[in-house]
C-alpha cells in the first residue's frame, strides 16, 4: 500500500494529461478511416464508370465545389 500512496501524486496528473491525448488520437483515427472509406467509394464508382456525386467530392475535399 505504501508504493501506491507514493505513486498516486504523480499518477493523477499523468492520467489527466493522457485523457485528452487519447481523445485526439481517437478523433484522428476516426477522421482518417472516414476519409479512406470515402476515397474507396469514389474509386469504386470511377472504376465502374459511374459519375462521382458532387456531394461525395465535397466531403473528400472539405469545401464547396463551384
N, C-alpha and C. Protein backbone atom coordinates (compact mmCIF):
# COMPACT_ATOMS: atom_id res chain seq x y z
N UNK A 1 0.83 -1.19 0.00
CA UNK A 1 0.00 0.00 0.00
C UNK A 1 0.87 1.25 0.00
N UNK A 2 2.06 1.15 0.51
CA UNK A 2 2.95 2.30 0.59
C UNK A 2 3.38 2.75 -0.80
N UNK A 3 3.62 1.81 -1.69
CA UNK A 3 4.03 2.16 -3.05
C UNK A 3 2.92 2.91 -3.79
N UNK A 4 1.68 2.53 -3.57
CA UNK A 4 0.55 3.20 -4.21
C UNK A 4 0.40 4.64 -3.72
N UNK A 5 0.59 4.86 -2.46
CA UNK A 5 0.49 6.23 -1.94
C UNK A 5 1.66 7.08 -2.40
N UNK A 6 2.79 6.47 -2.69
CA UNK A 6 3.93 7.23 -3.20
C UNK A 6 3.73 7.62 -4.66
N UNK A 7 3.09 6.75 -5.43
CA UNK A 7 2.91 6.98 -6.86
C UNK A 7 1.68 7.84 -7.16
N UNK A 8 0.67 7.81 -6.33
CA UNK A 8 -0.60 8.49 -6.63
C UNK A 8 -0.46 9.99 -6.91
N UNK A 9 0.42 10.75 -6.23
CA UNK A 9 0.55 12.16 -6.62
C UNK A 9 1.05 12.35 -8.06
N UNK A 10 1.81 11.42 -8.57
CA UNK A 10 2.28 11.50 -9.95
C UNK A 10 1.29 10.90 -10.94
N UNK A 11 0.58 9.89 -10.48
CA UNK A 11 -0.33 9.16 -11.36
C UNK A 11 -1.53 9.99 -11.80
N UNK A 12 -2.07 10.79 -10.92
CA UNK A 12 -3.25 11.59 -11.24
C UNK A 12 -2.96 12.61 -12.35
N UNK A 13 -1.89 13.41 -12.28
CA UNK A 13 -1.62 14.33 -13.40
C UNK A 13 -1.29 13.62 -14.71
N UNK A 14 -0.62 12.49 -14.61
CA UNK A 14 -0.28 11.75 -15.83
C UNK A 14 -1.54 11.25 -16.51
N UNK A 15 -2.47 10.70 -15.75
CA UNK A 15 -3.73 10.23 -16.31
C UNK A 15 -4.54 11.40 -16.86
N UNK A 16 -4.51 12.52 -16.14
CA UNK A 16 -5.24 13.71 -16.60
C UNK A 16 -4.69 14.23 -17.92
N UNK A 17 -3.41 14.10 -18.15
CA UNK A 17 -2.82 14.53 -19.42
C UNK A 17 -3.03 13.50 -20.53
N UNK A 18 -3.13 12.24 -20.16
CA UNK A 18 -3.30 11.21 -21.17
C UNK A 18 -4.71 11.17 -21.74
N UNK A 19 -5.71 11.59 -20.96
CA UNK A 19 -7.09 11.54 -21.44
C UNK A 19 -7.28 12.40 -22.69
N UNK A 20 -6.84 13.67 -22.73
CA UNK A 20 -7.00 14.44 -23.97
C UNK A 20 -6.17 13.88 -25.13
N UNK A 21 -5.01 13.36 -24.81
CA UNK A 21 -4.16 12.80 -25.86
C UNK A 21 -4.86 11.60 -26.51
N UNK A 22 -5.45 10.74 -25.71
CA UNK A 22 -6.19 9.59 -26.24
C UNK A 22 -7.38 10.06 -27.06
N UNK A 23 -8.05 11.13 -26.60
CA UNK A 23 -9.18 11.67 -27.36
C UNK A 23 -8.76 12.20 -28.72
N UNK A 24 -7.63 12.89 -28.78
CA UNK A 24 -7.13 13.43 -30.05
C UNK A 24 -6.75 12.29 -30.99
N UNK A 25 -6.11 11.27 -30.46
CA UNK A 25 -5.72 10.13 -31.30
C UNK A 25 -6.96 9.41 -31.82
N UNK A 26 -7.98 9.25 -30.97
CA UNK A 26 -9.21 8.59 -31.41
C UNK A 26 -9.90 9.42 -32.49
N UNK A 27 -9.96 10.74 -32.31
CA UNK A 27 -10.59 11.61 -33.30
C UNK A 27 -9.85 11.52 -34.64
N UNK A 28 -8.52 11.56 -34.60
CA UNK A 28 -7.73 11.48 -35.83
C UNK A 28 -7.93 10.13 -36.52
N UNK A 29 -8.00 9.07 -35.75
CA UNK A 29 -8.21 7.74 -36.32
C UNK A 29 -9.56 7.64 -37.01
N UNK A 30 -10.59 8.17 -36.38
CA UNK A 30 -11.93 8.15 -36.99
C UNK A 30 -11.95 8.99 -38.26
N UNK A 31 -11.30 10.15 -38.23
CA UNK A 31 -11.28 11.02 -39.41
C UNK A 31 -10.54 10.35 -40.58
N UNK A 32 -9.40 9.75 -40.29
CA UNK A 32 -8.62 9.08 -41.34
C UNK A 32 -9.40 7.89 -41.91
N UNK A 33 -10.05 7.12 -41.05
CA UNK A 33 -10.83 5.98 -41.51
C UNK A 33 -11.98 6.44 -42.39
N UNK A 34 -12.65 7.52 -41.99
CA UNK A 34 -13.77 8.05 -42.77
C UNK A 34 -13.30 8.53 -44.15
N UNK A 35 -12.18 9.24 -44.19
CA UNK A 35 -11.66 9.70 -45.48
C UNK A 35 -11.23 8.53 -46.37
N UNK A 36 -10.64 7.50 -45.76
CA UNK A 36 -10.26 6.33 -46.55
C UNK A 36 -11.48 5.64 -47.15
N UNK A 37 -12.56 5.55 -46.38
CA UNK A 37 -13.78 4.95 -46.91
C UNK A 37 -14.39 5.79 -48.02
N UNK A 38 -14.35 7.12 -47.89
CA UNK A 38 -14.85 8.00 -48.95
C UNK A 38 -14.03 7.85 -50.21
N UNK A 39 -12.70 7.78 -50.07
CA UNK A 39 -11.84 7.60 -51.24
C UNK A 39 -12.08 6.24 -51.90
N UNK A 40 -12.28 5.22 -51.09
CA UNK A 40 -12.54 3.90 -51.64
C UNK A 40 -13.86 3.90 -52.42
N UNK A 41 -14.86 4.58 -51.89
CA UNK A 41 -16.14 4.67 -52.59
C UNK A 41 -15.98 5.39 -53.92
N UNK A 42 -15.25 6.50 -53.92
CA UNK A 42 -15.03 7.25 -55.16
C UNK A 42 -14.25 6.40 -56.16
N UNK A 43 -13.30 5.63 -55.67
CA UNK A 43 -12.51 4.78 -56.56
C UNK A 43 -13.38 3.69 -57.19
N UNK A 44 -14.25 3.10 -56.40
CA UNK A 44 -15.15 2.07 -56.93
C UNK A 44 -16.12 2.66 -57.96
N UNK A 45 -16.64 3.84 -57.66
CA UNK A 45 -17.55 4.47 -58.62
C UNK A 45 -16.85 4.76 -59.94
N UNK A 46 -15.64 5.29 -59.87
CA UNK A 46 -14.94 5.61 -61.11
C UNK A 46 -14.50 4.35 -61.85
N UNK A 47 -14.19 3.28 -61.13
CA UNK A 47 -13.80 2.03 -61.77
C UNK A 47 -14.98 1.41 -62.52
N UNK A 48 -16.18 1.63 -62.01
CA UNK A 48 -17.38 1.10 -62.67
C UNK A 48 -17.92 2.05 -63.74
N UNK A 49 -17.29 3.19 -63.92
CA UNK A 49 -17.72 4.13 -64.94
C UNK A 49 -18.89 5.00 -64.52
N UNK A 50 -19.22 4.99 -63.26
CA UNK A 50 -20.32 5.81 -62.77
C UNK A 50 -19.80 7.19 -62.37
N UNK A 51 -20.64 8.21 -62.49
CA UNK A 51 -20.19 9.55 -62.08
C UNK A 51 -20.10 9.64 -60.57
N UNK A 52 -19.15 10.42 -60.11
CA UNK A 52 -18.98 10.65 -58.67
C UNK A 52 -19.84 11.83 -58.28
N UNK A 53 -20.76 11.66 -57.34
CA UNK A 53 -21.64 12.76 -56.95
C UNK A 53 -20.84 13.94 -56.37
N UNK A 54 -21.25 15.17 -56.67
CA UNK A 54 -20.54 16.34 -56.13
C UNK A 54 -20.53 16.37 -54.60
N UNK A 55 -21.58 15.83 -53.98
CA UNK A 55 -21.63 15.81 -52.52
C UNK A 55 -20.49 14.96 -51.94
N UNK A 56 -20.19 13.85 -52.62
CA UNK A 56 -19.10 12.99 -52.17
C UNK A 56 -17.76 13.69 -52.33
N UNK A 57 -17.58 14.37 -53.44
CA UNK A 57 -16.33 15.11 -53.64
C UNK A 57 -16.17 16.24 -52.63
N UNK A 58 -17.28 16.90 -52.27
CA UNK A 58 -17.21 17.96 -51.27
C UNK A 58 -16.78 17.42 -49.91
N UNK A 59 -17.26 16.23 -49.57
CA UNK A 59 -16.86 15.62 -48.30
C UNK A 59 -15.39 15.25 -48.30
N UNK A 60 -14.90 14.79 -49.46
CA UNK A 60 -13.49 14.40 -49.54
C UNK A 60 -12.60 15.64 -49.50
N UNK A 61 -12.94 16.65 -50.29
CA UNK A 61 -12.12 17.85 -50.38
C UNK A 61 -12.26 18.71 -49.13
N UNK A 62 -13.46 18.79 -48.60
CA UNK A 62 -13.67 19.56 -47.39
C UNK A 62 -14.19 20.96 -47.63
N UNK A 63 -14.48 21.31 -48.89
CA UNK A 63 -15.05 22.63 -49.17
C UNK A 63 -16.02 22.51 -50.34
N UNK A 64 -16.81 23.54 -50.51
CA UNK A 64 -17.84 23.54 -51.57
C UNK A 64 -17.18 23.65 -52.94
N UNK A 65 -17.74 22.90 -53.87
CA UNK A 65 -17.30 22.98 -55.25
C UNK A 65 -18.16 24.01 -55.99
N UNK A 66 -17.58 24.70 -56.97
CA UNK A 66 -18.37 25.70 -57.70
C UNK A 66 -19.43 25.06 -58.58
